[in-house]
Amino acid sequence: MSSALGSLGPVVFVATPETMRTFQNFTRSGASRYADHEILGNKPKTQWIGPGLDTITFSMVFDAFYGLNPRKELNQLVEIERAGKAMPLAVGGVGIGVYMWVITSLEQTWDVVDNQGYVLKATANISLKEYVK
C-alpha cells in the first residue's frame, strides 16, 4: 500500500509514522471571464467570454521531528518557483484541474530555529495558478 497522498510535480505528499510532508488549508478558486459591451442610451450587454484560470492555495509544515529537513524542503520549493516550472497536481491519485500548475507565490515562515541556526520547523504558504500552454 502506497503512503503517497498525492504530489505537486516532484514534491510528494506523504504521511507515515516516520515522515510527514502534506498540506493543510487547501483552497481552490475559479471564476468565469465576462466582457461588458457599451450600448448608447442603454445598459451594457454582458457576454460570457469563457472560463478563467483556477488558483489554489495551501500550506505545508516541515518539521524535523517528522523526519524532514525543513531548509532542504523549502529550498526545493524555491527552485521550482524560480524556474517557473509547470507541473501536475494530484491528490488521492486524481489529477486536479485540466492543465498544469505553476507556483505564483511562495511565502516561508521559519517557526523554530535552534541555537545553532538550524531550522527545525518551517511553514510554506503556496499559491498556484493553472498554466495553459
N, C-alpha and C. Protein backbone atom coordinates (compact mmCIF):
# COMPACT_ATOMS: atom_id res chain seq x y z
N MET A 1 0.85 -1.19 0.00
CA MET A 1 0.00 0.00 0.00
C MET A 1 0.89 1.25 0.00
N SER A 2 0.63 2.14 -0.94
CA SER A 2 1.44 3.35 -1.05
C SER A 2 1.03 4.36 0.03
N SER A 3 2.01 5.08 0.54
CA SER A 3 1.73 6.09 1.56
C SER A 3 1.61 7.48 0.94
N ALA A 4 1.77 7.58 -0.39
CA ALA A 4 1.69 8.89 -1.04
C ALA A 4 0.24 9.37 -1.10
N LEU A 5 0.02 10.59 -0.63
CA LEU A 5 -1.31 11.20 -0.69
C LEU A 5 -1.53 11.89 -2.02
N GLY A 6 -0.44 12.26 -2.66
CA GLY A 6 -0.51 12.97 -3.92
C GLY A 6 0.83 13.63 -4.19
N SER A 7 0.82 14.60 -5.12
CA SER A 7 2.08 15.26 -5.44
C SER A 7 1.83 16.57 -6.18
N LEU A 8 2.81 17.43 -6.08
CA LEU A 8 2.92 18.64 -6.87
C LEU A 8 4.24 18.51 -7.60
N GLY A 9 4.20 18.02 -8.82
CA GLY A 9 5.43 17.75 -9.55
C GLY A 9 6.31 16.80 -8.75
N PRO A 10 7.56 17.20 -8.46
CA PRO A 10 8.48 16.33 -7.73
C PRO A 10 8.25 16.29 -6.22
N VAL A 11 7.37 17.15 -5.70
CA VAL A 11 7.09 17.20 -4.26
C VAL A 11 5.98 16.20 -3.96
N VAL A 12 6.34 15.11 -3.29
CA VAL A 12 5.38 14.06 -2.98
C VAL A 12 4.79 14.30 -1.60
N PHE A 13 3.46 14.32 -1.53
CA PHE A 13 2.77 14.47 -0.25
C PHE A 13 2.69 13.07 0.38
N VAL A 14 3.19 12.96 1.61
CA VAL A 14 3.24 11.66 2.27
C VAL A 14 2.96 11.83 3.75
N ALA A 15 2.32 10.83 4.34
CA ALA A 15 2.04 10.83 5.77
C ALA A 15 2.26 9.42 6.30
N THR A 16 3.38 9.22 6.98
CA THR A 16 3.70 7.95 7.61
C THR A 16 4.16 8.25 9.04
N PRO A 17 4.33 7.24 9.87
CA PRO A 17 4.86 7.50 11.22
C PRO A 17 6.24 8.14 11.20
N GLU A 18 7.02 7.91 10.12
CA GLU A 18 8.39 8.45 10.03
C GLU A 18 8.46 9.81 9.34
N THR A 19 7.57 10.04 8.38
CA THR A 19 7.66 11.25 7.56
C THR A 19 6.29 11.89 7.38
N MET A 20 6.26 13.20 7.53
CA MET A 20 5.02 13.94 7.33
C MET A 20 5.31 15.11 6.39
N ARG A 21 4.89 14.97 5.13
CA ARG A 21 5.02 16.06 4.15
C ARG A 21 3.67 16.15 3.45
N THR A 22 2.80 16.94 3.99
CA THR A 22 1.47 17.06 3.43
C THR A 22 1.00 18.51 3.50
N PHE A 23 -0.21 18.75 3.10
CA PHE A 23 -0.74 20.11 3.02
C PHE A 23 -1.90 20.29 3.98
N GLN A 24 -2.23 21.55 4.22
CA GLN A 24 -3.40 21.90 5.00
C GLN A 24 -3.99 23.19 4.44
N ASN A 25 -5.23 23.47 4.80
CA ASN A 25 -5.92 24.69 4.34
C ASN A 25 -5.94 24.81 2.82
N PHE A 26 -6.23 23.70 2.14
CA PHE A 26 -6.29 23.66 0.67
C PHE A 26 -7.54 24.40 0.20
N THR A 27 -7.35 25.41 -0.64
CA THR A 27 -8.46 26.19 -1.18
C THR A 27 -8.28 26.33 -2.69
N ARG A 28 -9.34 25.99 -3.42
CA ARG A 28 -9.31 26.14 -4.88
C ARG A 28 -10.35 27.16 -5.27
N SER A 29 -9.98 28.09 -6.15
CA SER A 29 -10.89 29.15 -6.60
C SER A 29 -10.92 29.19 -8.12
N GLY A 30 -12.07 29.48 -8.66
CA GLY A 30 -12.21 29.63 -10.10
C GLY A 30 -13.23 30.70 -10.39
N ALA A 31 -13.15 31.29 -11.56
CA ALA A 31 -14.11 32.32 -11.96
C ALA A 31 -14.20 32.35 -13.49
N SER A 32 -15.36 32.70 -13.98
CA SER A 32 -15.55 32.86 -15.42
C SER A 32 -15.10 34.26 -15.84
N ARG A 33 -14.87 34.40 -17.14
CA ARG A 33 -14.49 35.71 -17.69
C ARG A 33 -15.69 36.29 -18.45
N TYR A 34 -15.95 37.57 -18.21
CA TYR A 34 -17.06 38.28 -18.86
C TYR A 34 -16.56 39.59 -19.43
N ALA A 35 -17.25 40.06 -20.48
CA ALA A 35 -16.97 41.38 -21.05
C ALA A 35 -18.28 42.15 -21.09
N ASP A 36 -18.20 43.44 -20.80
CA ASP A 36 -19.37 44.32 -20.89
C ASP A 36 -19.22 45.17 -22.14
N HIS A 37 -20.25 45.14 -23.01
CA HIS A 37 -20.24 45.91 -24.25
C HIS A 37 -21.17 47.11 -24.06
N GLU A 38 -20.60 48.29 -24.21
CA GLU A 38 -21.35 49.53 -24.01
C GLU A 38 -22.39 49.71 -25.12
N ILE A 39 -23.61 50.10 -24.71
CA ILE A 39 -24.69 50.36 -25.64
C ILE A 39 -25.16 51.80 -25.40
N LEU A 40 -25.16 52.62 -26.42
CA LEU A 40 -25.54 54.02 -26.30
C LEU A 40 -26.99 54.13 -25.83
N GLY A 41 -27.21 54.83 -24.71
CA GLY A 41 -28.53 55.07 -24.18
C GLY A 41 -29.13 53.89 -23.41
N ASN A 42 -28.42 52.79 -23.29
CA ASN A 42 -28.91 51.61 -22.58
C ASN A 42 -27.82 51.04 -21.67
N LYS A 43 -28.24 50.11 -20.88
CA LYS A 43 -27.27 49.41 -20.04
C LYS A 43 -26.35 48.57 -20.92
N PRO A 44 -25.12 48.33 -20.44
CA PRO A 44 -24.21 47.48 -21.22
C PRO A 44 -24.74 46.06 -21.32
N LYS A 45 -24.35 45.36 -22.35
CA LYS A 45 -24.69 43.95 -22.51
C LYS A 45 -23.49 43.13 -22.07
N THR A 46 -23.76 42.13 -21.25
CA THR A 46 -22.70 41.27 -20.72
C THR A 46 -22.59 40.02 -21.57
N GLN A 47 -21.35 39.68 -21.89
CA GLN A 47 -21.09 38.48 -22.68
C GLN A 47 -20.11 37.58 -21.94
N TRP A 48 -20.45 36.31 -21.84
CA TRP A 48 -19.54 35.32 -21.25
C TRP A 48 -18.43 35.05 -22.25
N ILE A 49 -17.19 35.22 -21.83
CA ILE A 49 -16.03 35.02 -22.70
C ILE A 49 -15.53 33.58 -22.61
N GLY A 50 -15.50 33.04 -21.40
CA GLY A 50 -15.01 31.67 -21.20
C GLY A 50 -14.54 31.49 -19.77
N PRO A 51 -14.05 30.31 -19.48
CA PRO A 51 -13.57 30.06 -18.12
C PRO A 51 -12.26 30.80 -17.86
N GLY A 52 -12.07 31.18 -16.60
CA GLY A 52 -10.80 31.80 -16.19
C GLY A 52 -9.86 30.71 -15.70
N LEU A 53 -8.69 31.12 -15.28
CA LEU A 53 -7.71 30.19 -14.73
C LEU A 53 -7.98 30.00 -13.25
N ASP A 54 -7.98 28.75 -12.81
CA ASP A 54 -8.18 28.45 -11.39
C ASP A 54 -6.92 28.78 -10.60
N THR A 55 -7.11 29.05 -9.33
CA THR A 55 -5.99 29.23 -8.41
C THR A 55 -6.19 28.31 -7.22
N ILE A 56 -5.09 27.93 -6.61
CA ILE A 56 -5.10 27.07 -5.43
C ILE A 56 -4.12 27.64 -4.42
N THR A 57 -4.50 27.64 -3.15
CA THR A 57 -3.58 28.00 -2.08
C THR A 57 -3.61 26.89 -1.03
N PHE A 58 -2.48 26.67 -0.40
CA PHE A 58 -2.39 25.73 0.71
C PHE A 58 -1.10 25.99 1.47
N SER A 59 -1.01 25.39 2.64
CA SER A 59 0.18 25.50 3.48
C SER A 59 0.80 24.12 3.64
N MET A 60 2.11 24.11 3.83
CA MET A 60 2.83 22.88 4.16
C MET A 60 3.71 23.17 5.37
N VAL A 61 3.72 22.25 6.32
CA VAL A 61 4.56 22.38 7.51
C VAL A 61 5.65 21.33 7.41
N PHE A 62 6.90 21.78 7.55
CA PHE A 62 8.06 20.87 7.53
C PHE A 62 8.66 20.85 8.92
N ASP A 63 8.73 19.68 9.52
CA ASP A 63 9.16 19.54 10.89
C ASP A 63 10.24 18.46 10.98
N ALA A 64 11.38 18.80 11.56
CA ALA A 64 12.48 17.83 11.72
C ALA A 64 12.02 16.65 12.57
N PHE A 65 11.07 16.85 13.46
CA PHE A 65 10.53 15.79 14.30
C PHE A 65 9.92 14.67 13.45
N TYR A 66 9.41 15.02 12.25
CA TYR A 66 8.80 14.06 11.34
C TYR A 66 9.72 13.64 10.21
N GLY A 67 11.01 13.67 10.46
CA GLY A 67 11.99 13.13 9.50
C GLY A 67 12.30 14.01 8.32
N LEU A 68 12.04 15.30 8.41
CA LEU A 68 12.31 16.20 7.30
C LEU A 68 13.40 17.20 7.65
N ASN A 69 14.06 17.67 6.63
CA ASN A 69 15.00 18.79 6.77
C ASN A 69 14.26 20.01 6.22
N PRO A 70 13.68 20.84 7.10
CA PRO A 70 12.86 21.96 6.63
C PRO A 70 13.57 22.86 5.63
N ARG A 71 14.82 23.14 5.85
CA ARG A 71 15.59 24.02 4.93
C ARG A 71 15.65 23.41 3.54
N LYS A 72 15.92 22.10 3.48
CA LYS A 72 16.01 21.39 2.20
C LYS A 72 14.65 21.40 1.49
N GLU A 73 13.59 21.18 2.23
CA GLU A 73 12.24 21.17 1.65
C GLU A 73 11.89 22.55 1.08
N LEU A 74 12.19 23.60 1.83
CA LEU A 74 11.91 24.96 1.37
C LEU A 74 12.74 25.30 0.14
N ASN A 75 14.02 24.90 0.15
CA ASN A 75 14.89 25.18 -0.99
C ASN A 75 14.37 24.52 -2.27
N GLN A 76 13.83 23.31 -2.15
CA GLN A 76 13.27 22.63 -3.32
C GLN A 76 12.09 23.43 -3.89
N LEU A 77 11.23 23.92 -3.01
CA LEU A 77 10.10 24.73 -3.47
C LEU A 77 10.57 26.04 -4.11
N VAL A 78 11.59 26.67 -3.54
CA VAL A 78 12.13 27.91 -4.11
C VAL A 78 12.68 27.66 -5.51
N GLU A 79 13.39 26.56 -5.69
CA GLU A 79 13.94 26.23 -7.02
C GLU A 79 12.84 26.05 -8.05
N ILE A 80 11.77 25.35 -7.67
CA ILE A 80 10.65 25.13 -8.58
C ILE A 80 9.99 26.46 -8.92
N GLU A 81 9.74 27.29 -7.90
CA GLU A 81 9.08 28.59 -8.12
C GLU A 81 9.93 29.50 -9.01
N ARG A 82 11.21 29.58 -8.74
CA ARG A 82 12.09 30.48 -9.51
C ARG A 82 12.31 30.01 -10.94
N ALA A 83 12.19 28.70 -11.17
CA ALA A 83 12.36 28.17 -12.52
C ALA A 83 11.09 28.32 -13.35
N GLY A 84 9.97 28.65 -12.70
CA GLY A 84 8.71 28.79 -13.41
C GLY A 84 8.22 27.47 -13.99
N LYS A 85 8.56 26.38 -13.34
CA LYS A 85 8.19 25.05 -13.84
C LYS A 85 6.69 24.82 -13.73
N ALA A 86 6.08 24.41 -14.84
CA ALA A 86 4.69 23.98 -14.83
C ALA A 86 4.69 22.49 -14.50
N MET A 87 3.80 22.09 -13.58
CA MET A 87 3.80 20.69 -13.15
C MET A 87 2.40 20.24 -12.80
N PRO A 88 2.18 18.93 -12.83
CA PRO A 88 0.86 18.41 -12.46
C PRO A 88 0.66 18.44 -10.95
N LEU A 89 -0.61 18.50 -10.56
CA LEU A 89 -1.00 18.44 -9.16
C LEU A 89 -2.01 17.30 -9.03
N ALA A 90 -1.76 16.40 -8.09
CA ALA A 90 -2.68 15.28 -7.87
C ALA A 90 -2.87 15.06 -6.38
N VAL A 91 -4.08 14.67 -6.01
CA VAL A 91 -4.39 14.32 -4.63
C VAL A 91 -5.24 13.04 -4.68
N GLY A 92 -4.84 12.06 -3.90
CA GLY A 92 -5.58 10.80 -3.88
C GLY A 92 -5.57 10.07 -5.20
N GLY A 93 -4.51 10.23 -5.98
CA GLY A 93 -4.41 9.55 -7.27
C GLY A 93 -5.20 10.21 -8.39
N VAL A 94 -5.80 11.37 -8.11
CA VAL A 94 -6.61 12.07 -9.11
C VAL A 94 -5.99 13.43 -9.40
N GLY A 95 -5.77 13.71 -10.69
CA GLY A 95 -5.23 15.00 -11.09
C GLY A 95 -6.21 16.11 -10.79
N ILE A 96 -5.71 17.26 -10.38
CA ILE A 96 -6.53 18.42 -10.08
C ILE A 96 -6.47 19.36 -11.28
N GLY A 97 -7.63 19.73 -11.79
CA GLY A 97 -7.68 20.66 -12.92
C GLY A 97 -7.44 19.96 -14.24
N VAL A 98 -7.54 20.75 -15.29
CA VAL A 98 -7.39 20.24 -16.65
C VAL A 98 -5.95 20.41 -17.12
N TYR A 99 -5.27 21.40 -16.59
CA TYR A 99 -3.95 21.76 -17.07
C TYR A 99 -2.89 21.56 -15.99
N MET A 100 -1.73 22.10 -16.23
CA MET A 100 -0.63 22.06 -15.28
C MET A 100 -0.77 23.27 -14.35
N TRP A 101 0.14 23.35 -13.35
CA TRP A 101 0.11 24.41 -12.35
C TRP A 101 1.50 25.01 -12.19
N VAL A 102 1.54 26.32 -11.89
CA VAL A 102 2.80 26.99 -11.56
C VAL A 102 2.66 27.64 -10.19
N ILE A 103 3.79 27.73 -9.49
CA ILE A 103 3.81 28.43 -8.20
C ILE A 103 3.92 29.92 -8.51
N THR A 104 2.91 30.68 -8.10
CA THR A 104 2.94 32.13 -8.33
C THR A 104 3.40 32.88 -7.09
N SER A 105 3.31 32.24 -5.94
CA SER A 105 3.73 32.88 -4.70
C SER A 105 4.18 31.80 -3.71
N LEU A 106 5.28 32.07 -3.04
CA LEU A 106 5.82 31.16 -2.04
C LEU A 106 6.28 31.98 -0.85
N GLU A 107 5.63 31.78 0.28
CA GLU A 107 5.97 32.51 1.50
C GLU A 107 6.49 31.51 2.53
N GLN A 108 7.65 31.82 3.13
CA GLN A 108 8.26 30.95 4.13
C GLN A 108 8.18 31.58 5.52
N THR A 109 7.89 30.75 6.50
CA THR A 109 7.98 31.16 7.90
C THR A 109 8.85 30.14 8.61
N TRP A 110 9.94 30.60 9.21
CA TRP A 110 10.80 29.71 9.99
C TRP A 110 10.26 29.72 11.41
N ASP A 111 9.50 28.70 11.76
CA ASP A 111 8.79 28.65 13.04
C ASP A 111 9.70 28.37 14.22
N VAL A 112 10.65 27.44 14.06
CA VAL A 112 11.56 27.08 15.15
C VAL A 112 12.98 26.97 14.58
N VAL A 113 13.89 27.74 15.16
CA VAL A 113 15.31 27.71 14.79
C VAL A 113 16.09 27.46 16.07
N ASP A 114 16.99 26.46 16.05
CA ASP A 114 17.73 26.16 17.29
C ASP A 114 18.90 27.11 17.49
N ASN A 115 19.65 26.92 18.58
CA ASN A 115 20.75 27.84 18.92
C ASN A 115 21.96 27.70 18.00
N GLN A 116 21.93 26.75 17.07
CA GLN A 116 22.99 26.59 16.08
C GLN A 116 22.58 27.16 14.71
N GLY A 117 21.36 27.66 14.63
CA GLY A 117 20.88 28.22 13.37
C GLY A 117 20.19 27.22 12.47
N TYR A 118 19.92 26.01 12.96
CA TYR A 118 19.22 25.00 12.16
C TYR A 118 17.71 25.24 12.24
N VAL A 119 17.08 25.22 11.09
CA VAL A 119 15.63 25.37 11.05
C VAL A 119 15.03 24.01 11.40
N LEU A 120 14.30 23.94 12.51
CA LEU A 120 13.71 22.69 12.96
C LEU A 120 12.26 22.54 12.50
N LYS A 121 11.59 23.67 12.31
CA LYS A 121 10.21 23.63 11.85
C LYS A 121 9.95 24.88 11.02
N ALA A 122 9.31 24.68 9.87
CA ALA A 122 9.01 25.81 8.97
C ALA A 122 7.67 25.58 8.29
N THR A 123 7.06 26.68 7.87
CA THR A 123 5.79 26.64 7.16
C THR A 123 5.96 27.33 5.81
N ALA A 124 5.41 26.71 4.77
CA ALA A 124 5.40 27.32 3.44
C ALA A 124 3.95 27.56 3.05
N ASN A 125 3.64 28.79 2.67
CA ASN A 125 2.33 29.13 2.11
C ASN A 125 2.50 29.24 0.60
N ILE A 126 1.77 28.42 -0.12
CA ILE A 126 1.98 28.28 -1.56
C ILE A 126 0.72 28.70 -2.31
N SER A 127 0.90 29.48 -3.37
CA SER A 127 -0.19 29.84 -4.27
C SER A 127 0.14 29.28 -5.65
N LEU A 128 -0.83 28.61 -6.24
CA LEU A 128 -0.68 28.03 -7.59
C LEU A 128 -1.68 28.67 -8.53
N LYS A 129 -1.33 28.66 -9.82
CA LYS A 129 -2.23 29.12 -10.86
C LYS A 129 -2.19 28.12 -12.00
N GLU A 130 -3.34 27.86 -12.59
CA GLU A 130 -3.38 26.97 -13.75
C GLU A 130 -2.48 27.52 -14.83
N TYR A 131 -1.80 26.63 -15.51
CA TYR A 131 -0.88 27.02 -16.59
C TYR A 131 -1.35 26.35 -17.87
N VAL A 132 -1.71 27.16 -18.85
CA VAL A 132 -2.17 26.65 -20.14
C VAL A 132 -1.14 27.03 -21.18
N LYS A 133 -0.66 26.05 -21.91
CA LYS A 133 0.33 26.30 -22.96
C LYS A 133 -0.32 26.82 -24.21
